[in-house]
Amino acid sequence: METRGLLPLHVSQDDDGVWRATFETNQQHAEPEPNIAAFLAVIDSLDPALRSTWHQCASREFNIGYDFGPEPWAFNQHVSSEILRRMGGAGVSLRITLYPAAGSHGP
């Protein structure tokens, strides 16, 4: 993944022997779709052996994280049906994580 432009944030083996890895794109965008498209391009570029390894992963998800606080009251983000279709084809699920503002106890 790294040689294809994704930055590894965390790669480790848990006590149960399961490997876990977290990646992000080189460039961050205001909307999630360009980042997801970059990940999908990497997945699509994998040769058959690496694609097989990808599909053997127990968990494949894109986690969109947001820092939140008192402002703005609301906001929205768009992910197109085409990107959602490609995610399904790659066997990827979507998770949304909200991070409380520093010093906040969260919701």
PDB file of N, CA and C in Angstrom:
ATOM      1  N   MET A   1       0.829  -1.189   0.000  1.00  0.00           N
ATOM      2  CA  MET A   1       0.000   0.000   0.000  1.00  0.00           C
ATOM      3  C   MET A   1       0.874   1.254   0.000  1.00  0.00           C
ATOM      4  N   GLU A   2       1.947   1.223   0.787  1.00  0.00           N
ATOM      5  CA  GLU A   2       2.799   2.411   0.879  1.00  0.00           C
ATOM      6  C   GLU A   2       3.443   2.740  -0.466  1.00  0.00           C
ATOM      7  N   THR A   3       3.891   1.724  -1.202  1.00  0.00           N
ATOM      8  CA  THR A   3       4.520   1.986  -2.498  1.00  0.00           C
ATOM      9  C   THR A   3       3.532   2.516  -3.520  1.00  0.00           C
ATOM     10  N   ARG A   4       2.249   2.414  -3.217  1.00  0.00           N
ATOM     11  CA  ARG A   4       1.211   2.897  -4.122  1.00  0.00           C
ATOM     12  C   ARG A   4       0.629   4.238  -3.646  1.00  0.00           C
ATOM     13  N   GLY A   5       1.231   4.866  -2.629  1.00  0.00           N
ATOM     14  CA  GLY A   5       0.832   6.213  -2.243  1.00  0.00           C
ATOM     15  C   GLY A   5      -0.008   6.339  -0.995  1.00  0.00           C
ATOM     16  N   LEU A   6      -0.181   5.259  -0.229  1.00  0.00           N
ATOM     17  CA  LEU A   6      -0.915   5.358   1.027  1.00  0.00           C
ATOM     18  C   LEU A   6       0.076   5.343   2.183  1.00  0.00           C
ATOM     19  N   LEU A   7      -0.176   6.193   3.167  1.00  0.00           N
ATOM     20  CA  LEU A   7       0.723   6.310   4.309  1.00  0.00           C
ATOM     21  C   LEU A   7       0.270   5.388   5.438  1.00  0.00           C
ATOM     22  N   PRO A   8       1.156   4.493   5.903  1.00  0.00           N
ATOM     23  CA  PRO A   8       0.771   3.649   7.042  1.00  0.00           C
ATOM     24  C   PRO A   8       0.825   4.460   8.339  1.00  0.00           C
ATOM     25  N   LEU A   9      -0.299   4.508   9.043  1.00  0.00           N
ATOM     26  CA  LEU A   9      -0.358   5.189  10.335  1.00  0.00           C
ATOM     27  C   LEU A   9      -0.074   4.226  11.475  1.00  0.00           C
ATOM     28  N   HIS A  10      -0.489   2.984  11.280  1.00  0.00           N
ATOM     29  CA  HIS A  10      -0.360   1.991  12.349  1.00  0.00           C
ATOM     30  C   HIS A  10      -0.377   0.599  11.714  1.00  0.00           C
ATOM     31  N   VAL A  11       0.656  -0.194  11.988  1.00  0.00           N
ATOM     32  CA  VAL A  11       0.701  -1.584  11.540  1.00  0.00           C
ATOM     33  C   VAL A  11       1.251  -2.390  12.703  1.00  0.00           C
ATOM     34  N   SER A  12       0.463  -3.358  13.185  1.00  0.00           N
ATOM     35  CA  SER A  12       0.920  -4.158  14.329  1.00  0.00           C
ATOM     36  C   SER A  12       0.198  -5.494  14.356  1.00  0.00           C
ATOM     37  N   GLN A  13       0.784  -6.403  15.124  1.00  0.00           N
ATOM     38  CA  GLN A  13       0.167  -7.701  15.349  1.00  0.00           C
ATOM     39  C   GLN A  13      -0.322  -7.748  16.787  1.00  0.00           C
ATOM     40  N   ASP A  14      -1.611  -8.040  16.971  1.00  0.00           N
ATOM     41  CA  ASP A  14      -2.205  -8.127  18.300  1.00  0.00           C
ATOM     42  C   ASP A  14      -1.799  -9.415  18.991  1.00  0.00           C
ATOM     43  N   ASP A  15      -2.108  -9.498  20.284  1.00  0.00           N
ATOM     44  CA  ASP A  15      -1.807 -10.690  21.063  1.00  0.00           C
ATOM     45  C   ASP A  15      -2.473 -11.945  20.495  1.00  0.00           C
ATOM     46  N   ASP A  16      -3.607 -11.762  19.815  1.00  0.00           N
ATOM     47  CA  ASP A  16      -4.318 -12.901  19.230  1.00  0.00           C
ATOM     48  C   ASP A  16      -3.724 -13.341  17.893  1.00  0.00           C
ATOM     49  N   GLY A  17      -2.625 -12.685  17.464  1.00  0.00           N
ATOM     50  CA  GLY A  17      -1.954 -13.045  16.227  1.00  0.00           C
ATOM     51  C   GLY A  17      -2.494 -12.338  14.996  1.00  0.00           C
ATOM     52  N   VAL A  18      -3.546 -11.565  15.154  1.00  0.00           N
ATOM     53  CA  VAL A  18      -4.157 -10.863  14.026  1.00  0.00           C
ATOM     54  C   VAL A  18      -3.393  -9.570  13.741  1.00  0.00           C
ATOM     55  N   TRP A  19      -3.086  -9.369  12.477  1.00  0.00           N
ATOM     56  CA  TRP A  19      -2.432  -8.134  12.055  1.00  0.00           C
ATOM     57  C   TRP A  19      -3.482  -7.069  11.782  1.00  0.00           C
ATOM     58  N   ARG A  20      -3.176  -5.834  12.141  1.00  0.00           N
ATOM     59  CA  ARG A  20      -4.062  -4.696  11.896  1.00  0.00           C
ATOM     60  C   ARG A  20      -3.225  -3.571  11.285  1.00  0.00           C
ATOM     61  N   ALA A  21      -3.832  -2.890  10.345  1.00  0.00           N
ATOM     62  CA  ALA A  21      -3.129  -1.781   9.684  1.00  0.00           C
ATOM     63  C   ALA A  21      -4.106  -0.642   9.429  1.00  0.00           C
ATOM     64  N   THR A  22      -3.614   0.565   9.588  1.00  0.00           N
ATOM     65  CA  THR A  22      -4.387   1.773   9.324  1.00  0.00           C
ATOM     66  C   THR A  22      -3.568   2.634   8.369  1.00  0.00           C
ATOM     67  N   PHE A  23      -4.217   3.093   7.305  1.00  0.00           N
ATOM     68  CA  PHE A  23      -3.554   3.917   6.294  1.00  0.00           C
ATOM     69  C   PHE A  23      -4.351   5.185   6.071  1.00  0.00           C
ATOM     70  N   GLU A  24      -3.687   6.197   5.518  1.00  0.00           N
ATOM     71  CA  GLU A  24      -4.386   7.385   5.036  1.00  0.00           C
ATOM     72  C   GLU A  24      -3.732   7.825   3.744  1.00  0.00           C
ATOM     73  N   THR A  25      -4.408   8.694   3.035  1.00  0.00           N
ATOM     74  CA  THR A  25      -3.889   9.186   1.764  1.00  0.00           C
ATOM     75  C   THR A  25      -2.848  10.272   1.997  1.00  0.00           C
ATOM     76  N   ASN A  26      -2.019  10.507   0.986  1.00  0.00           N
ATOM     77  CA  ASN A  26      -1.001  11.563   1.067  1.00  0.00           C
ATOM     78  C   ASN A  26      -1.624  12.942   1.183  1.00  0.00           C
ATOM     79  N   GLN A  27      -2.767  13.142   0.545  1.00  0.00           N
ATOM     80  CA  GLN A  27      -3.411  14.446   0.525  1.00  0.00           C
ATOM     81  C   GLN A  27      -4.780  14.338   1.187  1.00  0.00           C
ATOM     82  N   GLN A  28      -5.089  15.288   2.039  1.00  0.00           N
ATOM     83  CA  GLN A  28      -6.396  15.330   2.700  1.00  0.00           C
ATOM     84  C   GLN A  28      -7.303  16.305   1.959  1.00  0.00           C
ATOM     85  N   HIS A  29      -8.591  15.983   1.920  1.00  0.00           N
ATOM     86  CA  HIS A  29      -9.575  16.793   1.209  1.00  0.00           C
ATOM     87  C   HIS A  29     -10.705  17.177   2.159  1.00  0.00           C
ATOM     88  N   ALA A  30     -11.451  18.217   1.807  1.00  0.00           N
ATOM     89  CA  ALA A  30     -12.571  18.673   2.633  1.00  0.00           C
ATOM     90  C   ALA A  30     -13.733  17.684   2.600  1.00  0.00           C
ATOM     91  N   GLU A  31     -13.860  16.920   1.534  1.00  0.00           N
ATOM     92  CA  GLU A  31     -14.901  15.906   1.386  1.00  0.00           C
ATOM     93  C   GLU A  31     -14.244  14.528   1.397  1.00  0.00           C
ATOM     94  N   PRO A  32     -14.944  13.493   1.842  1.00  0.00           N
ATOM     95  CA  PRO A  32     -14.345  12.159   1.917  1.00  0.00           C
ATOM     96  C   PRO A  32     -14.145  11.479   0.562  1.00  0.00           C
ATOM     97  N   GLU A  33     -14.955  11.819  -0.432  1.00  0.00           N
ATOM     98  CA  GLU A  33     -14.915  11.069  -1.684  1.00  0.00           C
ATOM     99  C   GLU A  33     -13.551  11.029  -2.376  1.00  0.00           C
ATOM    100  N   PRO A  34     -12.807  12.146  -2.491  1.00  0.00           N
ATOM    101  CA  PRO A  34     -11.494  12.047  -3.143  1.00  0.00           C
ATOM    102  C   PRO A  34     -10.530  11.105  -2.406  1.00  0.00           C
ATOM    103  N   ASN A  35     -10.578  11.080  -1.080  1.00  0.00           N
ATOM    104  CA  ASN A  35      -9.724  10.161  -0.330  1.00  0.00           C
ATOM    105  C   ASN A  35     -10.138   8.709  -0.578  1.00  0.00           C
ATOM    106  N   ILE A  36     -11.446   8.456  -0.563  1.00  0.00           N
ATOM    107  CA  ILE A  36     -11.935   7.105  -0.813  1.00  0.00           C
ATOM    108  C   ILE A  36     -11.552   6.677  -2.226  1.00  0.00           C
ATOM    109  N   ALA A  37     -11.701   7.577  -3.197  1.00  0.00           N
ATOM    110  CA  ALA A  37     -11.331   7.266  -4.578  1.00  0.00           C
ATOM    111  C   ALA A  37      -9.855   6.911  -4.684  1.00  0.00           C
ATOM    112  N   ALA A  38      -8.991   7.608  -3.939  1.00  0.00           N
ATOM    113  CA  ALA A  38      -7.558   7.303  -3.953  1.00  0.00           C
ATOM    114  C   ALA A  38      -7.301   5.899  -3.406  1.00  0.00           C
ATOM    115  N   PHE A  39      -7.964   5.535  -2.320  1.00  0.00           N
ATOM    116  CA  PHE A  39      -7.823   4.184  -1.768  1.00  0.00           C
ATOM    117  C   PHE A  39      -8.297   3.146  -2.779  1.00  0.00           C
ATOM    118  N   LEU A  40      -9.445   3.395  -3.396  1.00  0.00           N
ATOM    119  CA  LEU A  40      -9.986   2.438  -4.356  1.00  0.00           C
ATOM    120  C   LEU A  40      -9.065   2.280  -5.564  1.00  0.00           C
ATOM    121  N   ALA A  41      -8.425   3.366  -5.983  1.00  0.00           N
ATOM    122  CA  ALA A  41      -7.471   3.279  -7.096  1.00  0.00           C
ATOM    123  C   ALA A  41      -6.309   2.361  -6.726  1.00  0.00           C
ATOM    124  N   VAL A  42      -5.841   2.462  -5.489  1.00  0.00           N
ATOM    125  CA  VAL A  42      -4.760   1.577  -5.034  1.00  0.00           C
ATOM    126  C   VAL A  42      -5.241   0.132  -5.029  1.00  0.00           C
ATOM    127  N   ILE A  43      -6.409  -0.116  -4.471  1.00  0.00           N
ATOM    128  CA  ILE A  43      -6.954  -1.471  -4.419  1.00  0.00           C
ATOM    129  C   ILE A  43      -7.128  -2.017  -5.831  1.00  0.00           C
ATOM    130  N   ASP A  44      -7.665  -1.204  -6.732  1.00  0.00           N
ATOM    131  CA  ASP A  44      -7.861  -1.628  -8.122  1.00  0.00           C
ATOM    132  C   ASP A  44      -6.547  -1.937  -8.823  1.00  0.00           C
ATOM    133  N   SER A  45      -5.455  -1.318  -8.387  1.00  0.00           N
ATOM    134  CA  SER A  45      -4.159  -1.510  -9.040  1.00  0.00           C
ATOM    135  C   SER A  45      -3.411  -2.758  -8.563  1.00  0.00           C
ATOM    136  N   LEU A  46      -3.935  -3.427  -7.535  1.00  0.00           N
ATOM    137  CA  LEU A  46      -3.244  -4.598  -6.990  1.00  0.00           C
ATOM    138  C   LEU A  46      -3.229  -5.737  -8.002  1.00  0.00           C
ATOM    139  N   ASP A  47      -2.083  -6.423  -8.096  1.00  0.00           N
ATOM    140  CA  ASP A  47      -2.019  -7.592  -8.969  1.00  0.00           C
ATOM    141  C   ASP A  47      -2.858  -8.712  -8.353  1.00  0.00           C
ATOM    142  N   PRO A  48      -3.173  -9.761  -9.103  1.00  0.00           N
ATOM    143  CA  PRO A  48      -4.078 -10.797  -8.595  1.00  0.00           C
ATOM    144  C   PRO A  48      -3.672 -11.412  -7.255  1.00  0.00           C
ATOM    145  N   ALA A  49      -2.388 -11.630  -7.015  1.00  0.00           N
ATOM    146  CA  ALA A  49      -1.954 -12.224  -5.737  1.00  0.00           C
ATOM    147  C   ALA A  49      -2.231 -11.274  -4.577  1.00  0.00           C
ATOM    148  N   LEU A  50      -1.910  -9.997  -4.756  1.00  0.00           N
ATOM    149  CA  LEU A  50      -2.173  -9.027  -3.696  1.00  0.00           C
ATOM    150  C   LEU A  50      -3.667  -8.777  -3.538  1.00  0.00           C
ATOM    151  N   ARG A  51      -4.408  -8.824  -4.621  1.00  0.00           N
ATOM    152  CA  ARG A  51      -5.868  -8.666  -4.536  1.00  0.00           C
ATOM    153  C   ARG A  51      -6.461  -9.819  -3.738  1.00  0.00           C
ATOM    154  N   SER A  52      -5.937 -11.020  -3.927  1.00  0.00           N
ATOM    155  CA  SER A  52      -6.394 -12.179  -3.155  1.00  0.00           C
ATOM    156  C   SER A  52      -6.105 -11.976  -1.671  1.00  0.00           C
ATOM    157  N   THR A  53      -4.927 -11.454  -1.353  1.00  0.00           N
ATOM    158  CA  THR A  53      -4.575 -11.162   0.042  1.00  0.00           C
ATOM    159  C   THR A  53      -5.537 -10.120   0.609  1.00  0.00           C
ATOM    160  N   TRP A  54      -5.836  -9.085  -0.167  1.00  0.00           N
ATOM    161  CA  TRP A  54      -6.780  -8.054   0.256  1.00  0.00           C
ATOM    162  C   TRP A  54      -8.121  -8.686   0.628  1.00  0.00           C
ATOM    163  N   HIS A  55      -8.625  -9.567  -0.224  1.00  0.00           N
ATOM    164  CA  HIS A  55      -9.940 -10.168   0.018  1.00  0.00           C
ATOM    165  C   HIS A  55      -9.923 -11.174   1.178  1.00  0.00           C
ATOM    166  N   GLN A  56      -8.738 -11.610   1.593  1.00  0.00           N
ATOM    167  CA  GLN A  56      -8.641 -12.504   2.744  1.00  0.00           C
ATOM    168  C   GLN A  56      -8.639 -11.741   4.074  1.00  0.00           C
ATOM    169  N   CYS A  57      -8.494 -10.432   4.029  1.00  0.00           N
ATOM    170  CA  CYS A  57      -8.512  -9.641   5.259  1.00  0.00           C
ATOM    171  C   CYS A  57      -9.870  -9.795   5.942  1.00  0.00           C
ATOM    172  N   ALA A  58      -9.850  -9.983   7.244  1.00  0.00           N
ATOM    173  CA  ALA A  58     -11.090 -10.177   8.002  1.00  0.00           C
ATOM    174  C   ALA A  58     -11.917  -8.898   8.069  1.00  0.00           C
ATOM    175  N   SER A  59     -11.273  -7.750   8.021  1.00  0.00           N
ATOM    176  CA  SER A  59     -11.982  -6.474   8.106  1.00  0.00           C
ATOM    177  C   SER A  59     -11.368  -5.509   7.105  1.00  0.00           C
ATOM    178  N   ARG A  60     -12.222  -4.933   6.275  1.00  0.00           N
ATOM    179  CA  ARG A  60     -11.793  -3.915   5.306  1.00  0.00           C
ATOM    180  C   ARG A  60     -12.803  -2.782   5.426  1.00  0.00           C
ATOM    181  N   GLU A  61     -12.378  -1.666   6.002  1.00  0.00           N
ATOM    182  CA  GLU A  61     -13.315  -0.555   6.157  1.00  0.00           C
ATOM    183  C   GLU A  61     -12.618   0.771   5.955  1.00  0.00           C
ATOM    184  N   PHE A  62     -13.387   1.725   5.468  1.00  0.00           N
ATOM    185  CA  PHE A  62     -12.962   3.108   5.394  1.00  0.00           C
ATOM    186  C   PHE A  62     -13.622   3.816   6.560  1.00  0.00           C
ATOM    187  N   ASN A  63     -12.806   4.426   7.400  1.00  0.00           N
ATOM    188  CA  ASN A  63     -13.298   5.109   8.590  1.00  0.00           C
ATOM    189  C   ASN A  63     -13.107   6.609   8.366  1.00  0.00           C
ATOM    190  N   ILE A  64     -14.216   7.316   8.276  1.00  0.00           N
ATOM    191  CA  ILE A  64     -14.180   8.766   8.100  1.00  0.00           C
ATOM    192  C   ILE A  64     -14.294   9.381   9.485  1.00  0.00           C
ATOM    193  N   GLY A  65     -13.254  10.079   9.914  1.00  0.00           N
ATOM    194  CA  GLY A  65     -13.231  10.664  11.255  1.00  0.00           C
ATOM    195  C   GLY A  65     -13.392  12.171  11.207  1.00  0.00           C
ATOM    196  N   TYR A  66     -14.144  12.682  12.165  1.00  0.00           N
ATOM    197  CA  TYR A  66     -14.374  14.119  12.270  1.00  0.00           C
ATOM    198  C   TYR A  66     -14.110  14.569  13.697  1.00  0.00           C
ATOM    199  N   ASP A  67     -13.356  15.664  13.836  1.00  0.00           N
ATOM    200  CA  ASP A  67     -13.243  16.350  15.121  1.00  0.00           C
ATOM    201  C   ASP A  67     -14.470  17.243  15.229  1.00  0.00           C
ATOM    202  N   PHE A  68     -15.122  17.219  16.378  1.00  0.00           N
ATOM    203  CA  PHE A  68     -16.302  18.066  16.515  1.00  0.00           C
ATOM    204  C   PHE A  68     -16.240  18.866  17.801  1.00  0.00           C
ATOM    205  N   GLY A  69     -17.014  19.893  17.849  1.00  0.00           N
ATOM    206  CA  GLY A  69     -17.114  20.781  18.999  1.00  0.00           C
ATOM    207  C   GLY A  69     -18.435  21.505  18.904  1.00  0.00           C
ATOM    208  N   PRO A  70     -18.543  22.677  19.510  1.00  0.00           N
ATOM    209  CA  PRO A  70     -19.826  23.382  19.486  1.00  0.00           C
ATOM    210  C   PRO A  70     -20.172  23.979  18.118  1.00  0.00           C
ATOM    211  N   GLU A  71     -19.209  24.154  17.230  1.00  0.00           N
ATOM    212  CA  GLU A  71     -19.464  24.736  15.904  1.00  0.00           C
ATOM    213  C   GLU A  71     -18.815  23.863  14.843  1.00  0.00           C
ATOM    214  N   PRO A  72     -19.357  23.738  13.677  1.00  0.00           N
ATOM    215  CA  PRO A  72     -20.664  24.256  13.305  1.00  0.00           C
ATOM    216  C   PRO A  72     -21.774  23.399  13.903  1.00  0.00           C
ATOM    217  N   TRP A  73     -22.972  23.941  13.904  1.00  0.00           N
ATOM    218  CA  TRP A  73     -24.095  23.198  14.445  1.00  0.00           C
ATOM    219  C   TRP A  73     -24.353  21.947  13.614  1.00  0.00           C
ATOM    220  N   ALA A  74     -24.205  22.052  12.314  1.00  0.00           N
ATOM    221  CA  ALA A  74     -24.417  20.923  11.419  1.00  0.00           C
ATOM    222  C   ALA A  74     -23.545  21.097  10.182  1.00  0.00           C
ATOM    223  N   PHE A  75     -23.216  20.009   9.560  1.00  0.00           N
ATOM    224  CA  PHE A  75     -22.527  20.031   8.272  1.00  0.00           C
ATOM    225  C   PHE A  75     -22.866  18.733   7.559  1.00  0.00           C
ATOM    226  N   ASN A  76     -22.601  18.688   6.255  1.00  0.00           N
ATOM    227  CA  ASN A  76     -22.852  17.454   5.530  1.00  0.00           C
ATOM    228  C   ASN A  76     -21.698  17.163   4.601  1.00  0.00           C
ATOM    229  N   GLN A  77     -21.557  15.920   4.256  1.00  0.00           N
ATOM    230  CA  GLN A  77     -20.519  15.442   3.358  1.00  0.00           C
ATOM    231  C   GLN A  77     -21.195  14.525   2.343  1.00  0.00           C
ATOM    232  N   HIS A  78     -20.617  14.416   1.171  1.00  0.00           N
ATOM    233  CA  HIS A  78     -21.220  13.644   0.096  1.00  0.00           C
ATOM    234  C   HIS A  78     -20.304  12.492  -0.313  1.00  0.00           C
ATOM    235  N   VAL A  79     -20.905  11.315  -0.507  1.00  0.00           N
ATOM    236  CA  VAL A  79     -20.232  10.174  -1.113  1.00  0.00           C
ATOM    237  C   VAL A  79     -21.180   9.680  -2.203  1.00  0.00           C
ATOM    238  N   SER A  80     -20.718   9.677  -3.442  1.00  0.00           N
ATOM    239  CA  SER A  80     -21.582   9.354  -4.575  1.00  0.00           C
ATOM    240  C   SER A  80     -21.941   7.870  -4.623  1.00  0.00           C
ATOM    241  N   SER A  81     -22.998   7.572  -5.351  1.00  0.00           N
ATOM    242  CA  SER A  81     -23.413   6.177  -5.528  1.00  0.00           C
ATOM    243  C   SER A  81     -22.332   5.387  -6.273  1.00  0.00           C
ATOM    244  N   GLU A  82     -21.612   6.030  -7.170  1.00  0.00           N
ATOM    245  CA  GLU A  82     -20.532   5.350  -7.900  1.00  0.00           C
ATOM    246  C   GLU A  82     -19.430   4.906  -6.938  1.00  0.00           C
ATOM    247  N   ILE A  83     -19.026   5.773  -6.025  1.00  0.00           N
ATOM    248  CA  ILE A  83     -18.001   5.407  -5.043  1.00  0.00           C
ATOM    249  C   ILE A  83     -18.524   4.312  -4.121  1.00  0.00           C
ATOM    250  N   LEU A  84     -19.779   4.414  -3.695  1.00  0.00           N
ATOM    251  CA  LEU A  84     -20.358   3.361  -2.849  1.00  0.00           C
ATOM    252  C   LEU A  84     -20.392   2.023  -3.582  1.00  0.00           C
ATOM    253  N   ARG A  85     -20.704   2.041  -4.884  1.00  0.00           N
ATOM    254  CA  ARG A  85     -20.702   0.814  -5.674  1.00  0.00           C
ATOM    255  C   ARG A  85     -19.300   0.216  -5.744  1.00  0.00           C
ATOM    256  N   ARG A  86     -18.311   1.065  -5.986  1.00  0.00           N
ATOM    257  CA  ARG A  86     -16.923   0.587  -6.047  1.00  0.00           C
ATOM    258  C   ARG A  86     -16.470   0.037  -4.700  1.00  0.00           C
ATOM    259  N   MET A  87     -16.898   0.690  -3.607  1.00  0.00           N
ATOM    260  CA  MET A  87     -16.561   0.173  -2.271  1.00  0.00           C
ATOM    261  C   MET A  87     -17.132  -1.232  -2.091  1.00  0.00           C
ATOM    262  N   GLY A  88     -18.393  -1.424  -2.489  1.00  0.00           N
ATOM    263  CA  GLY A  88     -19.009  -2.741  -2.390  1.00  0.00           C
ATOM    264  C   GLY A  88     -18.251  -3.773  -3.203  1.00  0.00           C
ATOM    265  N   GLY A  89     -17.816  -3.393  -4.400  1.00  0.00           N
ATOM    266  CA  GLY A  89     -17.044  -4.296  -5.242  1.00  0.00           C
ATOM    267  C   GLY A  89     -15.706  -4.679  -4.631  1.00  0.00           C
ATOM    268  N   ALA A  90     -15.131  -3.771  -3.848  1.00  0.00           N
ATOM    269  CA  ALA A  90     -13.854  -4.041  -3.181  1.00  0.00           C
ATOM    270  C   ALA A  90     -14.050  -4.702  -1.816  1.00  0.00           C
ATOM    271  N   GLY A  91     -15.310  -4.913  -1.430  1.00  0.00           N
ATOM    272  CA  GLY A  91     -15.587  -5.543  -0.136  1.00  0.00           C
ATOM    273  C   GLY A  91     -15.274  -4.642   1.046  1.00  0.00           C
ATOM    274  N   VAL A  92     -15.481  -3.331   0.877  1.00  0.00           N
ATOM    275  CA  VAL A  92     -15.140  -2.355   1.910  1.00  0.00           C
ATOM    276  C   VAL A  92     -16.412  -1.836   2.574  1.00  0.00           C
ATOM    277  N   SER A  93     -16.397  -1.767   3.894  1.00  0.00           N
ATOM    278  CA  SER A  93     -17.503  -1.155   4.629  1.00  0.00           C
ATOM    279  C   SER A  93     -17.123   0.277   4.994  1.00  0.00           C
ATOM    280  N   LEU A  94     -18.110   1.032   5.465  1.00  0.00           N
ATOM    281  CA  LEU A  94     -17.899   2.435   5.818  1.00  0.00           C
ATOM    282  C   LEU A  94     -18.218   2.641   7.288  1.00  0.00           C
ATOM    283  N   ARG A  95     -17.333   3.328   7.993  1.00  0.00           N
ATOM    284  CA  ARG A  95     -17.544   3.685   9.389  1.00  0.00           C
ATOM    285  C   ARG A  95     -17.335   5.187   9.507  1.00  0.00           C
ATOM    286  N   ILE A  96     -18.126   5.826  10.350  1.00  0.00           N
ATOM    287  CA  ILE A  96     -17.976   7.256  10.628  1.00  0.00           C
ATOM    288  C   ILE A  96     -17.682   7.404  12.112  1.00  0.00           C
ATOM    289  N   THR A  97     -16.591   8.093  12.429  1.00  0.00           N
ATOM    290  CA  THR A  97     -16.173   8.295  13.812  1.00  0.00           C
ATOM    291  C   THR A  97     -16.172   9.776  14.122  1.00  0.00           C
ATOM    292  N   LEU A  98     -16.781  10.141  15.259  1.00  0.00           N
ATOM    293  CA  LEU A  98     -16.801  11.524  15.725  1.00  0.00           C
ATOM    294  C   LEU A  98     -15.871  11.637  16.921  1.00  0.00           C
ATOM    295  N   TYR A  99     -14.902  12.536  16.840  1.00  0.00           N
ATOM    296  CA  TYR A  99     -13.954  12.740  17.918  1.00  0.00           C
ATOM    297  C   TYR A  99     -14.317  14.027  18.658  1.00  0.00           C
ATOM    298  N   PRO A 100     -14.450  13.972  19.979  1.00  0.00           N
ATOM    299  CA  PRO A 100     -14.780  15.190  20.727  1.00  0.00           C
ATOM    300  C   PRO A 100     -13.636  16.195  20.664  1.00  0.00           C
ATOM    301  N   ALA A 101     -13.990  17.460  20.793  1.00  0.00           N
ATOM    302  CA  ALA A 101     -12.993  18.519  20.823  1.00  0.00           C
ATOM    303  C   ALA A 101     -12.058  18.316  22.015  1.00  0.00           C
ATOM    304  N   ALA A 102     -10.837  18.760  21.922  1.00  0.00           N
ATOM    305  CA  ALA A 102      -9.879  18.640  23.011  1.00  0.00           C
ATOM    306  C   ALA A 102     -10.463  19.223  24.295  1.00  0.00           C
ATOM    307  N   GLY A 103     -10.355  18.495  25.390  1.00  0.00           N
ATOM    308  CA  GLY A 103     -10.860  18.949  26.678  1.00  0.00           C
ATOM    309  C   GLY A 103     -12.336  18.691  26.873  1.00  0.00           C
ATOM    310  N   SER A 104     -12.992  18.142  25.861  1.00  0.00           N
ATOM    311  CA  SER A 104     -14.421  17.848  25.940  1.00  0.00           C
ATOM    312  C   SER A 104     -14.631  16.402  26.386  1.00  0.00           C
ATOM    313  N   HIS A 105     -15.743  16.136  26.974  1.00  0.00           N
ATOM    314  CA  HIS A 105     -16.067  14.773  27.380  1.00  0.00           C
ATOM    315  C   HIS A 105     -16.866  14.049  26.312  1.00  0.00           C
ATOM    316  N   GLY A 106     -17.144  14.718  25.205  1.00  0.00           N
ATOM    317  CA  GLY A 106     -17.873  14.114  24.108  1.00  0.00           C
ATOM    318  C   GLY A 106     -19.351  14.101  24.355  1.00  0.00           C
ATOM    319  N   PRO A 107     -20.096  13.474  23.406  1.00  0.00           N
ATOM    320  CA  PRO A 107     -21.555  13.476  23.501  1.00  0.00           C
ATOM    321  C   PRO A 107     -22.056  12.583  24.619  1.00  0.00           C
TER     322      PRO A 107
END
